[in-house]
Amino acid sequence: MKILLVDDSATIRRILKGLLGPLGVSDILEAGNGNQALKVLAENPGIDYMLLDWNMPELDGLGVLKQVRVNDSYRDLKIIMCTSEADKTKVIEAIKAGANNYIVKPFTPDIIKEKLVL
């Protein structure tokens, strides 16, 4: 399984990597903003999941989500918003834009495991 972690916080990306390793995920890619995420996606076919932060510089997570969902090449990509945006309207907006699931920070290892179908 190949996962792309997209978050402007290197600490959050490091925490997620630490949680995914024991779950058997070893193919992990990273991006620090939305533009980098789109580049990593284009250069690395076969990404199964993207854990996507909402609030990032350059291009936010919702912008990434919308761009990815109009590209048929990524129709099988599972996108999980992993963000501090806990407002119900934000959750609904992300799901309507094509997010497969939603995790509110702070999260626990069990929540990550539950949201990923490993």
N, C-alpha and C. Protein backbone atom coordinates (compact mmCIF):
# COMPACT_ATOMS: atom_id res chain seq x y z
N MET A 1 0.84 -1.18 0.00
CA MET A 1 0.00 0.00 0.00
C MET A 1 0.88 1.24 0.00
N LYS A 2 0.51 2.19 -0.84
CA LYS A 2 1.27 3.44 -0.96
C LYS A 2 0.38 4.58 -0.48
N ILE A 3 0.93 5.39 0.46
CA ILE A 3 0.19 6.48 1.07
C ILE A 3 0.95 7.79 0.90
N LEU A 4 0.21 8.84 0.55
CA LEU A 4 0.77 10.19 0.47
C LEU A 4 0.26 11.01 1.65
N LEU A 5 1.19 11.52 2.45
CA LEU A 5 0.85 12.38 3.58
C LEU A 5 1.03 13.82 3.14
N VAL A 6 -0.03 14.61 3.24
CA VAL A 6 0.02 16.01 2.82
C VAL A 6 -0.34 16.89 4.01
N ASP A 7 0.67 17.56 4.55
CA ASP A 7 0.47 18.44 5.70
C ASP A 7 1.64 19.41 5.74
N ASP A 8 1.36 20.68 6.02
CA ASP A 8 2.45 21.65 6.09
C ASP A 8 3.27 21.50 7.37
N SER A 9 2.82 20.70 8.30
CA SER A 9 3.56 20.44 9.54
C SER A 9 4.38 19.17 9.40
N ALA A 10 5.72 19.34 9.43
CA ALA A 10 6.61 18.18 9.37
C ALA A 10 6.38 17.27 10.59
N THR A 11 6.01 17.87 11.72
CA THR A 11 5.75 17.09 12.93
C THR A 11 4.55 16.16 12.73
N ILE A 12 3.48 16.67 12.15
CA ILE A 12 2.30 15.83 11.90
C ILE A 12 2.65 14.71 10.93
N ARG A 13 3.41 15.04 9.88
CA ARG A 13 3.81 13.99 8.93
C ARG A 13 4.65 12.92 9.62
N ARG A 14 5.55 13.34 10.50
CA ARG A 14 6.39 12.38 11.24
C ARG A 14 5.53 11.50 12.16
N ILE A 15 4.55 12.10 12.83
CA ILE A 15 3.65 11.34 13.71
C ILE A 15 2.88 10.30 12.89
N LEU A 16 2.33 10.74 11.76
CA LEU A 16 1.57 9.81 10.91
C LEU A 16 2.45 8.67 10.40
N LYS A 17 3.67 8.98 10.00
CA LYS A 17 4.59 7.92 9.56
C LYS A 17 4.83 6.93 10.69
N GLY A 18 4.99 7.45 11.89
CA GLY A 18 5.21 6.58 13.05
C GLY A 18 4.02 5.69 13.36
N LEU A 19 2.82 6.17 13.07
CA LEU A 19 1.62 5.36 13.29
C LEU A 19 1.39 4.34 12.18
N LEU A 20 1.77 4.70 10.95
CA LEU A 20 1.51 3.82 9.81
C LEU A 20 2.49 2.65 9.74
N GLY A 21 3.72 2.86 10.18
CA GLY A 21 4.72 1.79 10.15
C GLY A 21 4.27 0.51 10.84
N PRO A 22 3.82 0.60 12.09
CA PRO A 22 3.35 -0.60 12.79
C PRO A 22 2.10 -1.24 12.16
N LEU A 23 1.41 -0.48 11.31
CA LEU A 23 0.24 -1.03 10.61
C LEU A 23 0.65 -1.74 9.32
N GLY A 24 1.96 -1.79 9.08
CA GLY A 24 2.46 -2.49 7.91
C GLY A 24 2.60 -1.63 6.67
N VAL A 25 2.45 -0.32 6.81
CA VAL A 25 2.60 0.58 5.67
C VAL A 25 4.04 1.08 5.63
N SER A 26 4.74 0.76 4.55
CA SER A 26 6.13 1.20 4.46
C SER A 26 6.38 2.12 3.26
N ASP A 27 5.46 2.16 2.32
CA ASP A 27 5.61 3.00 1.13
C ASP A 27 4.87 4.31 1.38
N ILE A 28 5.58 5.27 1.97
CA ILE A 28 4.96 6.53 2.39
C ILE A 28 5.67 7.69 1.70
N LEU A 29 4.88 8.52 1.04
CA LEU A 29 5.38 9.72 0.39
C LEU A 29 4.87 10.93 1.16
N GLU A 30 5.54 12.06 1.00
CA GLU A 30 5.15 13.26 1.75
C GLU A 30 5.12 14.49 0.87
N ALA A 31 4.26 15.43 1.25
CA ALA A 31 4.20 16.75 0.62
C ALA A 31 3.87 17.77 1.69
N GLY A 32 4.46 18.95 1.59
CA GLY A 32 4.26 19.99 2.59
C GLY A 32 3.22 21.03 2.23
N ASN A 33 2.67 20.94 1.03
CA ASN A 33 1.58 21.84 0.64
C ASN A 33 0.83 21.21 -0.53
N GLY A 34 -0.25 21.85 -0.93
CA GLY A 34 -1.10 21.30 -1.97
C GLY A 34 -0.44 21.19 -3.32
N ASN A 35 0.36 22.18 -3.70
CA ASN A 35 1.05 22.12 -4.99
C ASN A 35 2.04 20.96 -5.03
N GLN A 36 2.77 20.77 -3.93
CA GLN A 36 3.69 19.63 -3.85
C GLN A 36 2.92 18.32 -3.94
N ALA A 37 1.76 18.27 -3.32
CA ALA A 37 0.94 17.04 -3.35
C ALA A 37 0.56 16.67 -4.77
N LEU A 38 0.13 17.66 -5.56
CA LEU A 38 -0.24 17.38 -6.94
C LEU A 38 0.96 16.89 -7.75
N LYS A 39 2.12 17.45 -7.47
CA LYS A 39 3.34 17.03 -8.16
C LYS A 39 3.71 15.59 -7.78
N VAL A 40 3.66 15.28 -6.49
CA VAL A 40 3.97 13.92 -6.03
C VAL A 40 3.00 12.92 -6.63
N LEU A 41 1.72 13.27 -6.67
CA LEU A 41 0.71 12.39 -7.29
C LEU A 41 1.04 12.11 -8.76
N ALA A 42 1.39 13.15 -9.48
CA ALA A 42 1.68 13.01 -10.90
C ALA A 42 2.92 12.17 -11.16
N GLU A 43 3.89 12.24 -10.25
CA GLU A 43 5.16 11.56 -10.45
C GLU A 43 5.21 10.15 -9.85
N ASN A 44 4.18 9.76 -9.11
CA ASN A 44 4.18 8.48 -8.41
C ASN A 44 2.87 7.74 -8.61
N PRO A 45 2.73 7.03 -9.71
CA PRO A 45 1.47 6.29 -9.95
C PRO A 45 1.24 5.22 -8.89
N GLY A 46 -0.02 4.91 -8.69
CA GLY A 46 -0.36 3.81 -7.79
C GLY A 46 -0.50 4.18 -6.33
N ILE A 47 -0.65 5.47 -6.03
CA ILE A 47 -0.88 5.86 -4.63
C ILE A 47 -2.30 5.43 -4.27
N ASP A 48 -2.42 4.73 -3.15
CA ASP A 48 -3.71 4.18 -2.72
C ASP A 48 -4.51 5.16 -1.86
N TYR A 49 -3.81 5.85 -0.96
CA TYR A 49 -4.47 6.76 -0.02
C TYR A 49 -3.72 8.08 0.03
N MET A 50 -4.47 9.14 0.28
CA MET A 50 -3.88 10.43 0.59
C MET A 50 -4.51 10.91 1.89
N LEU A 51 -3.67 11.19 2.89
CA LEU A 51 -4.14 11.83 4.12
C LEU A 51 -3.85 13.31 3.93
N LEU A 52 -4.89 14.13 3.89
CA LEU A 52 -4.81 15.49 3.40
C LEU A 52 -5.25 16.52 4.43
N ASP A 53 -4.33 17.41 4.78
CA ASP A 53 -4.66 18.52 5.67
C ASP A 53 -5.46 19.56 4.90
N TRP A 54 -6.26 20.34 5.59
CA TRP A 54 -7.06 21.37 4.95
C TRP A 54 -6.27 22.68 4.83
N ASN A 55 -5.73 23.15 5.95
CA ASN A 55 -5.09 24.46 6.02
C ASN A 55 -3.60 24.36 5.72
N MET A 56 -3.23 24.77 4.50
CA MET A 56 -1.83 24.74 4.07
C MET A 56 -1.57 25.95 3.19
N PRO A 57 -0.30 26.36 3.09
CA PRO A 57 0.04 27.48 2.20
C PRO A 57 -0.02 27.04 0.72
N GLU A 58 -0.06 28.00 -0.14
CA GLU A 58 -0.05 27.84 -1.60
C GLU A 58 -1.35 27.28 -2.15
N LEU A 59 -1.71 26.07 -1.78
CA LEU A 59 -2.96 25.45 -2.22
C LEU A 59 -3.49 24.63 -1.05
N ASP A 60 -4.69 24.95 -0.59
CA ASP A 60 -5.22 24.24 0.58
C ASP A 60 -5.75 22.86 0.21
N GLY A 61 -6.07 22.10 1.24
CA GLY A 61 -6.51 20.72 1.04
C GLY A 61 -7.79 20.60 0.23
N LEU A 62 -8.73 21.50 0.43
CA LEU A 62 -9.97 21.45 -0.34
C LEU A 62 -9.68 21.69 -1.82
N GLY A 63 -8.76 22.61 -2.11
CA GLY A 63 -8.36 22.86 -3.49
C GLY A 63 -7.72 21.63 -4.13
N VAL A 64 -6.87 20.95 -3.36
CA VAL A 64 -6.26 19.70 -3.85
C VAL A 64 -7.34 18.67 -4.12
N LEU A 65 -8.23 18.50 -3.17
CA LEU A 65 -9.31 17.52 -3.28
C LEU A 65 -10.12 17.76 -4.56
N LYS A 66 -10.49 19.00 -4.80
CA LYS A 66 -11.30 19.32 -5.98
C LYS A 66 -10.54 19.06 -7.27
N GLN A 67 -9.24 19.40 -7.31
CA GLN A 67 -8.45 19.17 -8.51
C GLN A 67 -8.26 17.68 -8.78
N VAL A 68 -8.04 16.92 -7.72
CA VAL A 68 -7.83 15.47 -7.88
C VAL A 68 -9.11 14.79 -8.35
N ARG A 69 -10.23 15.20 -7.82
CA ARG A 69 -11.49 14.53 -8.14
C ARG A 69 -11.99 14.79 -9.56
N VAL A 70 -11.49 15.82 -10.24
CA VAL A 70 -11.88 16.02 -11.64
C VAL A 70 -10.94 15.28 -12.60
N ASN A 71 -9.89 14.66 -12.06
CA ASN A 71 -8.93 13.92 -12.88
C ASN A 71 -9.23 12.43 -12.78
N ASP A 72 -9.69 11.87 -13.87
CA ASP A 72 -10.10 10.45 -13.89
C ASP A 72 -8.95 9.49 -13.56
N SER A 73 -7.71 9.95 -13.72
CA SER A 73 -6.55 9.10 -13.41
C SER A 73 -6.52 8.72 -11.93
N TYR A 74 -7.15 9.53 -11.10
CA TYR A 74 -7.11 9.31 -9.65
C TYR A 74 -8.44 8.81 -9.09
N ARG A 75 -9.27 8.22 -9.91
CA ARG A 75 -10.61 7.81 -9.45
C ARG A 75 -10.56 6.76 -8.34
N ASP A 76 -9.48 5.94 -8.29
CA ASP A 76 -9.38 4.92 -7.25
C ASP A 76 -8.67 5.41 -5.99
N LEU A 77 -8.12 6.61 -6.03
CA LEU A 77 -7.41 7.16 -4.88
C LEU A 77 -8.38 7.46 -3.75
N LYS A 78 -8.10 6.93 -2.59
CA LYS A 78 -8.91 7.21 -1.40
C LYS A 78 -8.31 8.44 -0.71
N ILE A 79 -9.14 9.43 -0.47
CA ILE A 79 -8.67 10.66 0.17
C ILE A 79 -9.35 10.83 1.52
N ILE A 80 -8.52 10.94 2.54
CA ILE A 80 -9.01 11.15 3.90
C ILE A 80 -8.52 12.52 4.36
N MET A 81 -9.45 13.41 4.60
CA MET A 81 -9.08 14.70 5.16
C MET A 81 -8.63 14.46 6.61
N CYS A 82 -7.48 15.00 6.95
CA CYS A 82 -6.91 14.83 8.29
C CYS A 82 -6.56 16.25 8.76
N THR A 83 -7.49 16.87 9.47
CA THR A 83 -7.39 18.31 9.69
C THR A 83 -7.97 18.74 11.03
N SER A 84 -7.66 19.94 11.42
CA SER A 84 -8.24 20.50 12.65
C SER A 84 -9.60 21.16 12.38
N GLU A 85 -10.00 21.22 11.13
CA GLU A 85 -11.31 21.79 10.76
C GLU A 85 -12.42 20.84 11.21
N ALA A 86 -13.01 21.13 12.36
CA ALA A 86 -13.99 20.22 12.95
C ALA A 86 -15.44 20.66 12.73
N ASP A 87 -15.63 21.84 12.17
CA ASP A 87 -16.98 22.35 11.95
C ASP A 87 -17.74 21.42 11.00
N LYS A 88 -18.97 21.12 11.35
CA LYS A 88 -19.79 20.18 10.57
C LYS A 88 -19.93 20.62 9.11
N THR A 89 -20.04 21.92 8.88
CA THR A 89 -20.18 22.40 7.50
C THR A 89 -18.92 22.11 6.68
N LYS A 90 -17.75 22.16 7.33
CA LYS A 90 -16.49 21.84 6.64
C LYS A 90 -16.45 20.35 6.28
N VAL A 91 -16.87 19.52 7.21
CA VAL A 91 -16.90 18.07 6.96
C VAL A 91 -17.80 17.78 5.77
N ILE A 92 -18.99 18.37 5.78
CA ILE A 92 -19.94 18.15 4.69
C ILE A 92 -19.36 18.66 3.36
N GLU A 93 -18.73 19.82 3.40
CA GLU A 93 -18.13 20.38 2.18
C GLU A 93 -17.07 19.44 1.60
N ALA A 94 -16.23 18.88 2.47
CA ALA A 94 -15.17 17.97 2.01
C ALA A 94 -15.76 16.68 1.43
N ILE A 95 -16.76 16.13 2.10
CA ILE A 95 -17.38 14.89 1.61
C ILE A 95 -18.06 15.14 0.26
N LYS A 96 -18.75 16.28 0.14
CA LYS A 96 -19.40 16.61 -1.13
C LYS A 96 -18.37 16.81 -2.25
N ALA A 97 -17.17 17.28 -1.89
CA ALA A 97 -16.12 17.51 -2.89
C ALA A 97 -15.40 16.22 -3.27
N GLY A 98 -15.68 15.13 -2.53
CA GLY A 98 -15.11 13.84 -2.91
C GLY A 98 -14.22 13.16 -1.90
N ALA A 99 -14.13 13.70 -0.68
CA ALA A 99 -13.34 13.02 0.35
C ALA A 99 -14.02 11.69 0.71
N ASN A 100 -13.21 10.67 0.91
CA ASN A 100 -13.76 9.37 1.30
C ASN A 100 -14.02 9.28 2.79
N ASN A 101 -13.27 10.07 3.56
CA ASN A 101 -13.43 10.02 5.01
C ASN A 101 -12.84 11.30 5.59
N TYR A 102 -12.99 11.46 6.91
CA TYR A 102 -12.59 12.70 7.57
C TYR A 102 -12.10 12.38 8.97
N ILE A 103 -10.90 12.87 9.30
CA ILE A 103 -10.33 12.68 10.64
C ILE A 103 -10.04 14.07 11.20
N VAL A 104 -10.50 14.31 12.43
CA VAL A 104 -10.24 15.59 13.08
C VAL A 104 -9.04 15.44 14.00
N LYS A 105 -8.09 16.39 13.87
CA LYS A 105 -6.94 16.43 14.78
C LYS A 105 -7.39 17.00 16.11
N PRO A 106 -6.87 16.54 17.22
CA PRO A 106 -5.87 15.47 17.33
C PRO A 106 -6.53 14.11 17.15
N PHE A 107 -5.77 13.17 16.64
CA PHE A 107 -6.28 11.84 16.37
C PHE A 107 -5.48 10.82 17.18
N THR A 108 -6.02 9.62 17.27
CA THR A 108 -5.33 8.54 17.96
C THR A 108 -4.91 7.48 16.94
N PRO A 109 -3.98 6.61 17.30
CA PRO A 109 -3.60 5.52 16.40
C PRO A 109 -4.81 4.68 15.99
N ASP A 110 -5.72 4.46 16.92
CA ASP A 110 -6.91 3.65 16.61
C ASP A 110 -7.79 4.30 15.54
N ILE A 111 -7.90 5.62 15.58
CA ILE A 111 -8.70 6.32 14.58
C ILE A 111 -8.07 6.17 13.19
N ILE A 112 -6.75 6.32 13.13
CA ILE A 112 -6.05 6.16 11.84
C ILE A 112 -6.27 4.74 11.31
N LYS A 113 -6.11 3.76 12.18
CA LYS A 113 -6.30 2.36 11.77
C LYS A 113 -7.73 2.11 11.30
N GLU A 114 -8.69 2.69 12.01
CA GLU A 114 -10.10 2.49 11.67
C GLU A 114 -10.45 3.10 10.30
N LYS A 115 -9.87 4.25 9.99
CA LYS A 115 -10.23 4.95 8.75
C LYS A 115 -9.57 4.35 7.52
N LEU A 116 -8.41 3.71 7.72
CA LEU A 116 -7.72 3.07 6.60
C LEU A 116 -8.15 1.62 6.49
N VAL A 117 -8.44 1.19 5.31
CA VAL A 117 -8.79 -0.22 5.10
C VAL A 117 -7.50 -0.92 4.69
N LEU A 118 -6.83 -1.53 5.67
CA LEU A 118 -5.53 -2.15 5.42
C LEU A 118 -5.64 -3.64 5.20
